[in-house]
Every structure is written in C-alpha cells, then in structure tokens.
C-alpha cells in the first residue's frame, strides 16, 4: 500500500487506513470531510481524476507560515487556521491538486 500512499501524498492527499476501508482527504481539509473507499482500487479510481487537476505548490524553505517537524510540516495562516502535511528532508514544496488555490498558505500555481 505504500506506493498508493506515496501517490496520494504527491497529489496532496492523506489515506487513512481503517478496518473496513480507507478515508481519503486533502491535506488542508478536515479528516471528517474525506471520501470513504472500501478497496485500494476504489482509492486509485478516486485519485485518478484528481491527478489531472491544476497543481498548486507551497514553498517550504524560508516560509513564515511553515513550521518544520520531524515527519512533516504544519502550515498556519494569520487567522489561526492550520493543517499538517507530510514532508521529507530536502522537499522544497508540498503540492495539492485542486481546481482553486488552497485557502491556507501562500500557494503558487505550478505550470
């Protein structure tokens, strides 16, 4: 399943593994608002059209909105809203595929 987790991460999504399936949700959105999938194949089918959406990237270096932690980052805006995302040492950006600019953070569109 790690290849599917990595694929989702590159699109800006978490996969939460449960006993009866998988919850898929975007980094910057509440976990309870995710999409439930009963199989790995259903997760892939859900992510496939997301991969075709515009890609937004958030710079991680020298970004006052980003706090680095051992296993990722926390992004916080001036209104106190925040989200966590996985990031590895050496990552310059995190990415989210979405129709519009994510609301938390100083995102730029990747072309």
C-alpha atoms as a PDB file:
ATOM      1  CA  UNK A   1       0.000   0.000   0.000  1.00  0.00           C
ATOM      2  CA  UNK A   2       2.959   2.379   0.425  1.00  0.00           C
ATOM      3  CA  UNK A   3       3.050   3.141  -3.324  1.00  0.00           C
ATOM      4  CA  UNK A   4      -0.580   4.252  -3.128  1.00  0.00           C
ATOM      5  CA  UNK A   5       0.170   6.367  -0.046  1.00  0.00           C
ATOM      6  CA  UNK A   6       3.092   7.991  -1.878  1.00  0.00           C
ATOM      7  CA  UNK A   7       0.944   8.638  -4.959  1.00  0.00           C
ATOM      8  CA  UNK A   8      -1.721  10.276  -2.790  1.00  0.00           C
ATOM      9  CA  UNK A   9       0.894  12.373  -0.962  1.00  0.00           C
ATOM     10  CA  UNK A  10       2.186  13.750  -4.267  1.00  0.00           C
ATOM     11  CA  UNK A  11      -1.374  14.866  -5.080  1.00  0.00           C
ATOM     12  CA  UNK A  12      -1.842  16.496  -1.659  1.00  0.00           C
ATOM     13  CA  UNK A  13      -3.925  13.756  -0.058  1.00  0.00           C
ATOM     14  CA  UNK A  14      -3.756  11.527   3.001  1.00  0.00           C
ATOM     15  CA  UNK A  15      -5.024   7.957   3.055  1.00  0.00           C
ATOM     16  CA  UNK A  16      -6.215   6.860   6.489  1.00  0.00           C
ATOM     17  CA  UNK A  17      -6.309   3.083   6.716  1.00  0.00           C
ATOM     18  CA  UNK A  18      -9.245   1.596   8.620  1.00  0.00           C
ATOM     19  CA  UNK A  19     -10.579  -1.875   9.330  1.00  0.00           C
ATOM     20  CA  UNK A  20     -13.238  -1.669   6.621  1.00  0.00           C
ATOM     21  CA  UNK A  21     -11.629   0.609   4.060  1.00  0.00           C
ATOM     22  CA  UNK A  22      -9.804   3.862   3.521  1.00  0.00           C
ATOM     23  CA  UNK A  23     -10.569   7.526   4.166  1.00  0.00           C
ATOM     24  CA  UNK A  24      -9.015   9.820   1.553  1.00  0.00           C
ATOM     25  CA  UNK A  25      -8.794  13.538   2.306  1.00  0.00           C
ATOM     26  CA  UNK A  26      -6.841  16.579   1.189  1.00  0.00           C
ATOM     27  CA  UNK A  27      -4.054  17.834   3.473  1.00  0.00           C
ATOM     28  CA  UNK A  28      -5.736  21.178   4.107  1.00  0.00           C
ATOM     29  CA  UNK A  29      -9.254  19.869   4.717  1.00  0.00           C
ATOM     30  CA  UNK A  30     -10.722  18.232   7.838  1.00  0.00           C
ATOM     31  CA  UNK A  31     -10.361  14.467   8.034  1.00  0.00           C
ATOM     32  CA  UNK A  32     -14.100  14.066   8.633  1.00  0.00           C
ATOM     33  CA  UNK A  33     -14.716  15.657   5.242  1.00  0.00           C
ATOM     34  CA  UNK A  34     -12.859  12.987   3.305  1.00  0.00           C
ATOM     35  CA  UNK A  35     -14.036  10.398   0.833  1.00  0.00           C
ATOM     36  CA  UNK A  36     -14.577   6.815   2.009  1.00  0.00           C
ATOM     37  CA  UNK A  37     -13.292   3.959  -0.181  1.00  0.00           C
ATOM     38  CA  UNK A  38     -13.788   0.285   0.566  1.00  0.00           C
ATOM     39  CA  UNK A  39     -10.869  -1.019  -1.543  1.00  0.00           C
ATOM     40  CA  UNK A  40      -7.440   0.070  -2.760  1.00  0.00           C
ATOM     41  CA  UNK A  41      -8.810   0.026  -6.302  1.00  0.00           C
ATOM     42  CA  UNK A  42     -11.550   2.475  -5.275  1.00  0.00           C
ATOM     43  CA  UNK A  43      -8.865   4.757  -3.796  1.00  0.00           C
ATOM     44  CA  UNK A  44      -6.966   4.702  -7.111  1.00  0.00           C
ATOM     45  CA  UNK A  45     -10.181   5.434  -9.029  1.00  0.00           C
ATOM     46  CA  UNK A  46     -10.907   8.375  -6.719  1.00  0.00           C
ATOM     47  CA  UNK A  47      -7.388   9.822  -7.092  1.00  0.00           C
ATOM     48  CA  UNK A  48      -7.102   9.390 -10.859  1.00  0.00           C
ATOM     49  CA  UNK A  49      -9.187  12.447 -11.875  1.00  0.00           C
ATOM     50  CA  UNK A  50      -7.570  14.497  -9.084  1.00  0.00           C
ATOM     51  CA  UNK A  51      -4.179  13.992 -10.757  1.00  0.00           C
ATOM     52  CA  UNK A  52      -5.491  15.883 -13.804  1.00  0.00           C
ATOM     53  CA  UNK A  53      -6.471  18.985 -11.774  1.00  0.00           C
ATOM     54  CA  UNK A  54      -4.226  22.069 -11.607  1.00  0.00           C
ATOM     55  CA  UNK A  55      -1.280  21.661  -9.262  1.00  0.00           C
ATOM     56  CA  UNK A  56      -0.574  24.184  -6.507  1.00  0.00           C
ATOM     57  CA  UNK A  57       2.715  24.228  -4.607  1.00  0.00           C
ATOM     58  CA  UNK A  58       3.633  25.691  -1.252  1.00  0.00           C
ATOM     59  CA  UNK A  59       7.294  26.621  -0.749  1.00  0.00           C
ATOM     60  CA  UNK A  60       8.704  25.096   2.432  1.00  0.00           C
ATOM     61  CA  UNK A  61      12.003  26.989   2.718  1.00  0.00           C
ATOM     62  CA  UNK A  62      12.046  30.495   4.212  1.00  0.00           C
ATOM     63  CA  UNK A  63       8.274  30.477   4.628  1.00  0.00           C
ATOM     64  CA  UNK A  64       6.982  32.030   7.861  1.00  0.00           C
ATOM     65  CA  UNK A  65       3.698  30.098   7.523  1.00  0.00           C
ATOM     66  CA  UNK A  66       5.517  26.741   7.684  1.00  0.00           C
ATOM     67  CA  UNK A  67       6.820  25.050  10.823  1.00  0.00           C
ATOM     68  CA  UNK A  68       9.052  22.047  10.205  1.00  0.00           C
ATOM     69  CA  UNK A  69       8.723  18.949  12.359  1.00  0.00           C
ATOM     70  CA  UNK A  70      10.445  15.581  12.283  1.00  0.00           C
ATOM     71  CA  UNK A  71       7.879  13.936   9.985  1.00  0.00           C
ATOM     72  CA  UNK A  72       6.337  16.860   8.159  1.00  0.00           C
ATOM     73  CA  UNK A  73       5.178  20.440   8.324  1.00  0.00           C
ATOM     74  CA  UNK A  74       2.404  22.466   9.935  1.00  0.00           C
ATOM     75  CA  UNK A  75       1.089  25.378   7.872  1.00  0.00           C
ATOM     76  CA  UNK A  76      -0.660  28.184   9.780  1.00  0.00           C
ATOM     77  CA  UNK A  77      -2.235  31.392   8.464  1.00  0.00           C
ATOM     78  CA  UNK A  78      -2.856  34.760  10.166  1.00  0.00           C
ATOM     79  CA  UNK A  79      -6.405  33.723  11.116  1.00  0.00           C
ATOM     80  CA  UNK A  80      -5.065  30.749  13.103  1.00  0.00           C
ATOM     81  CA  UNK A  81      -6.228  28.100  10.643  1.00  0.00           C
ATOM     82  CA  UNK A  82      -3.746  25.283  10.155  1.00  0.00           C
ATOM     83  CA  UNK A  83      -3.102  21.887   8.613  1.00  0.00           C
ATOM     84  CA  UNK A  84      -0.416  19.219   8.705  1.00  0.00           C
ATOM     85  CA  UNK A  85       1.259  17.634   5.708  1.00  0.00           C
ATOM     86  CA  UNK A  86       3.995  15.067   5.273  1.00  0.00           C
ATOM     87  CA  UNK A  87       7.289  16.443   4.016  1.00  0.00           C
ATOM     88  CA  UNK A  88      10.658  14.772   3.779  1.00  0.00           C
ATOM     89  CA  UNK A  89      14.073  16.277   4.331  1.00  0.00           C
ATOM     90  CA  UNK A  90      15.031  18.037   1.142  1.00  0.00           C
ATOM     91  CA  UNK A  91      11.464  18.625  -0.101  1.00  0.00           C
ATOM     92  CA  UNK A  92      11.235  22.140  -1.473  1.00  0.00           C
ATOM     93  CA  UNK A  93       7.458  22.160  -1.769  1.00  0.00           C
ATOM     94  CA  UNK A  94       4.298  20.345  -0.859  1.00  0.00           C
ATOM     95  CA  UNK A  95       1.704  20.014  -3.603  1.00  0.00           C
ATOM     96  CA  UNK A  96      -2.078  19.910  -3.788  1.00  0.00           C
ATOM     97  CA  UNK A  97      -4.030  19.187  -6.950  1.00  0.00           C
ATOM     98  CA  UNK A  98      -7.264  21.213  -6.882  1.00  0.00           C
ATOM     99  CA  UNK A  99      -9.405  23.481  -9.052  1.00  0.00           C
ATOM    100  CA  UNK A 100      -8.626  26.537  -6.948  1.00  0.00           C
ATOM    101  CA  UNK A 101      -5.863  27.848  -4.701  1.00  0.00           C
ATOM    102  CA  UNK A 102      -5.912  26.120  -1.291  1.00  0.00           C
ATOM    103  CA  UNK A 103      -7.157  28.582   1.358  1.00  0.00           C
ATOM    104  CA  UNK A 104      -4.381  28.177   3.956  1.00  0.00           C
ATOM    105  CA  UNK A 105      -0.865  29.159   2.965  1.00  0.00           C
ATOM    106  CA  UNK A 106       0.859  31.159   0.256  1.00  0.00           C
ATOM    107  CA  UNK A 107       0.397  28.771  -2.665  1.00  0.00           C
ATOM    108  CA  UNK A 108       1.608  29.335  -6.192  1.00  0.00           C
ATOM    109  CA  UNK A 109       0.285  27.557  -9.260  1.00  0.00           C
ATOM    110  CA  UNK A 110       2.690  25.072 -10.785  1.00  0.00           C
ATOM    111  CA  UNK A 111       2.687  25.016 -14.564  1.00  0.00           C
END
